N, C-alpha and C. Protein backbone atom coordinates (compact mmCIF):
# COMPACT_ATOMS: atom_id res chain seq x y z
N MET A 1 -22.21 -12.42 -19.57
CA MET A 1 -21.47 -11.26 -19.96
C MET A 1 -20.04 -11.67 -20.30
N VAL A 2 -19.48 -11.13 -21.36
CA VAL A 2 -18.07 -11.38 -21.75
C VAL A 2 -17.32 -10.06 -21.68
N VAL A 3 -16.21 -10.05 -21.00
CA VAL A 3 -15.39 -8.86 -20.88
C VAL A 3 -14.01 -9.17 -21.44
N VAL A 4 -13.40 -8.18 -22.14
CA VAL A 4 -12.08 -8.40 -22.64
C VAL A 4 -11.06 -7.81 -21.69
N VAL A 5 -10.15 -8.63 -21.22
CA VAL A 5 -9.15 -8.20 -20.27
C VAL A 5 -7.82 -8.67 -20.87
N ALA A 6 -6.89 -7.68 -21.08
CA ALA A 6 -5.57 -7.97 -21.60
C ALA A 6 -5.67 -8.87 -22.88
N ASN A 7 -6.57 -8.41 -23.79
CA ASN A 7 -6.75 -9.10 -25.07
C ASN A 7 -7.27 -10.51 -24.93
N ARG A 8 -7.89 -10.88 -23.80
CA ARG A 8 -8.49 -12.19 -23.59
C ARG A 8 -9.96 -12.00 -23.22
N ALA A 9 -10.78 -12.75 -23.83
CA ALA A 9 -12.21 -12.74 -23.45
C ALA A 9 -12.38 -13.57 -22.18
N VAL A 10 -13.07 -13.01 -21.22
CA VAL A 10 -13.29 -13.70 -19.95
C VAL A 10 -14.78 -13.72 -19.68
N GLU A 11 -15.30 -14.90 -19.48
CA GLU A 11 -16.75 -15.05 -19.19
C GLU A 11 -16.95 -14.64 -17.73
N MET A 12 -17.95 -13.82 -17.48
CA MET A 12 -18.15 -13.31 -16.14
C MET A 12 -19.58 -13.67 -15.69
N ARG A 13 -19.72 -14.06 -14.48
CA ARG A 13 -21.05 -14.30 -13.88
C ARG A 13 -21.68 -12.94 -13.53
N ASP A 14 -22.96 -12.97 -13.25
CA ASP A 14 -23.65 -11.73 -12.83
C ASP A 14 -22.97 -11.26 -11.54
N GLY A 15 -22.60 -9.98 -11.50
CA GLY A 15 -21.98 -9.44 -10.35
C GLY A 15 -20.48 -9.61 -10.26
N ALA A 16 -19.96 -10.50 -11.15
CA ALA A 16 -18.52 -10.74 -11.09
C ALA A 16 -17.72 -9.51 -11.52
N SER A 17 -18.29 -8.68 -12.38
CA SER A 17 -17.58 -7.46 -12.77
C SER A 17 -17.40 -6.55 -11.56
N LEU A 18 -18.39 -6.54 -10.66
CA LEU A 18 -18.23 -5.77 -9.43
C LEU A 18 -17.08 -6.33 -8.59
N ASP A 19 -16.98 -7.64 -8.51
CA ASP A 19 -15.89 -8.24 -7.77
C ASP A 19 -14.55 -7.85 -8.39
N PHE A 20 -14.47 -7.87 -9.69
CA PHE A 20 -13.23 -7.50 -10.40
C PHE A 20 -12.85 -6.08 -10.06
N PHE A 21 -13.79 -5.15 -10.17
CA PHE A 21 -13.49 -3.79 -9.89
C PHE A 21 -13.24 -3.50 -8.40
N GLY A 22 -13.87 -4.29 -7.55
CA GLY A 22 -13.58 -4.24 -6.14
C GLY A 22 -12.17 -4.65 -5.85
N GLN A 23 -11.72 -5.71 -6.49
CA GLN A 23 -10.34 -6.20 -6.31
C GLN A 23 -9.38 -5.19 -6.85
N LEU A 24 -9.65 -4.62 -7.99
CA LEU A 24 -8.82 -3.61 -8.61
C LEU A 24 -8.69 -2.39 -7.68
N SER A 25 -9.79 -2.03 -7.05
CA SER A 25 -9.81 -0.90 -6.10
C SER A 25 -8.94 -1.22 -4.90
N ARG A 26 -9.05 -2.45 -4.38
CA ARG A 26 -8.23 -2.84 -3.21
C ARG A 26 -6.73 -2.84 -3.59
N ILE A 27 -6.42 -3.28 -4.78
CA ILE A 27 -4.99 -3.27 -5.21
C ILE A 27 -4.48 -1.87 -5.25
N ALA A 28 -5.24 -0.96 -5.89
CA ALA A 28 -4.86 0.42 -5.99
C ALA A 28 -4.68 1.05 -4.60
N SER A 29 -5.59 0.71 -3.67
CA SER A 29 -5.48 1.21 -2.31
C SER A 29 -4.20 0.68 -1.61
N ASN A 30 -3.90 -0.57 -1.83
CA ASN A 30 -2.71 -1.17 -1.19
C ASN A 30 -1.45 -0.54 -1.76
N VAL A 31 -1.42 -0.23 -3.05
CA VAL A 31 -0.26 0.43 -3.66
C VAL A 31 -0.12 1.83 -3.11
N LYS A 32 -1.19 2.52 -2.93
CA LYS A 32 -1.18 3.86 -2.39
C LYS A 32 -0.65 3.83 -0.94
N THR A 33 -1.15 2.89 -0.15
CA THR A 33 -0.72 2.74 1.26
C THR A 33 0.77 2.43 1.29
N TYR A 34 1.22 1.54 0.44
CA TYR A 34 2.64 1.15 0.45
C TYR A 34 3.52 2.38 0.11
N ALA A 35 3.09 3.13 -0.88
CA ALA A 35 3.88 4.30 -1.29
C ALA A 35 3.94 5.33 -0.14
N HIS A 36 2.84 5.50 0.55
CA HIS A 36 2.78 6.45 1.66
C HIS A 36 3.72 6.00 2.81
N ARG A 37 3.61 4.69 3.14
CA ARG A 37 4.47 4.19 4.22
C ARG A 37 5.93 4.31 3.86
N ARG A 38 6.24 4.03 2.59
CA ARG A 38 7.65 4.11 2.13
C ARG A 38 8.16 5.56 2.29
N ARG A 39 7.33 6.55 1.91
CA ARG A 39 7.76 7.97 2.03
C ARG A 39 7.94 8.27 3.53
N VAL A 40 7.03 7.83 4.39
CA VAL A 40 7.16 8.12 5.81
C VAL A 40 8.46 7.51 6.37
N GLU A 41 8.74 6.26 5.97
CA GLU A 41 9.96 5.60 6.42
C GLU A 41 11.20 6.36 5.95
N GLN A 42 11.22 6.82 4.72
CA GLN A 42 12.35 7.59 4.18
C GLN A 42 12.53 8.90 4.96
N ARG A 43 11.42 9.55 5.22
CA ARG A 43 11.53 10.83 5.95
C ARG A 43 12.01 10.63 7.38
N LEU A 44 11.53 9.56 8.06
CA LEU A 44 12.04 9.32 9.40
C LEU A 44 13.50 8.93 9.39
N GLN A 45 13.94 8.11 8.39
CA GLN A 45 15.34 7.77 8.29
C GLN A 45 16.23 8.99 8.07
N SER A 46 15.66 10.03 7.43
CA SER A 46 16.47 11.22 7.19
C SER A 46 16.69 12.09 8.41
N LEU A 47 15.92 11.85 9.47
CA LEU A 47 16.09 12.64 10.68
C LEU A 47 17.30 12.17 11.44
N ASP A 48 17.94 13.10 12.16
CA ASP A 48 19.08 12.71 13.01
C ASP A 48 18.55 12.06 14.28
N ASP A 49 19.46 11.42 15.02
CA ASP A 49 19.08 10.63 16.21
C ASP A 49 18.41 11.52 17.29
N ARG A 50 18.86 12.78 17.40
CA ARG A 50 18.28 13.67 18.42
C ARG A 50 16.84 14.00 18.07
N MET A 51 16.55 14.24 16.82
CA MET A 51 15.18 14.53 16.37
C MET A 51 14.28 13.30 16.58
N LEU A 52 14.81 12.12 16.28
CA LEU A 52 14.02 10.92 16.52
C LEU A 52 13.73 10.75 17.96
N ALA A 53 14.72 11.01 18.84
CA ALA A 53 14.50 10.89 20.29
C ALA A 53 13.42 11.90 20.73
N ASP A 54 13.38 13.05 20.12
CA ASP A 54 12.37 14.07 20.48
C ASP A 54 10.94 13.58 20.20
N ILE A 55 10.80 12.73 19.24
CA ILE A 55 9.46 12.15 18.94
C ILE A 55 9.25 10.78 19.52
N GLY A 56 10.24 10.33 20.30
CA GLY A 56 10.09 9.08 21.02
C GLY A 56 10.45 7.83 20.20
N LEU A 57 11.29 7.99 19.23
CA LEU A 57 11.73 6.84 18.41
C LEU A 57 13.26 6.69 18.43
N GLU A 58 13.69 5.50 18.22
CA GLU A 58 15.09 5.22 17.93
C GLU A 58 15.15 4.73 16.51
N ARG A 59 16.31 4.89 15.89
CA ARG A 59 16.47 4.50 14.52
C ARG A 59 16.07 3.02 14.23
N ALA A 60 16.36 2.16 15.20
CA ALA A 60 16.03 0.74 15.10
C ALA A 60 14.55 0.49 15.11
N ASP A 61 13.77 1.45 15.60
CA ASP A 61 12.30 1.26 15.72
C ASP A 61 11.53 1.74 14.52
N ILE A 62 12.18 2.42 13.56
CA ILE A 62 11.45 3.07 12.48
C ILE A 62 10.67 2.04 11.66
N ARG A 63 11.30 0.96 11.26
CA ARG A 63 10.64 -0.03 10.36
C ARG A 63 9.40 -0.60 11.10
N THR A 64 9.56 -0.94 12.36
CA THR A 64 8.42 -1.48 13.12
C THR A 64 7.30 -0.47 13.27
N TYR A 65 7.67 0.79 13.52
CA TYR A 65 6.69 1.86 13.64
C TYR A 65 5.90 2.06 12.35
N VAL A 66 6.59 2.06 11.24
CA VAL A 66 5.93 2.34 9.95
C VAL A 66 5.15 1.12 9.44
N TRP A 67 5.77 -0.03 9.50
CA TRP A 67 5.16 -1.23 8.86
C TRP A 67 4.42 -2.13 9.87
N GLY A 68 4.57 -1.87 11.17
CA GLY A 68 3.84 -2.60 12.16
C GLY A 68 4.29 -4.03 12.32
N ARG A 69 5.53 -4.32 12.06
CA ARG A 69 6.05 -5.67 12.16
C ARG A 69 7.11 -5.71 13.23
């Protein structure tokens, strides 16, 4: 099977197209997750320190809470 990707013909093995679309799906999912986490981080950063304390967070903990690092 030959598939055209970005104006280039790419030879694909049987089932390779499924791998391609699976990878594309994972990339889209990762972008969606990143955007969601970024929005959550921005919203938490917009809260004042008292509101953060009410939910058990300190400003310094937001990045670790959102990104898990």
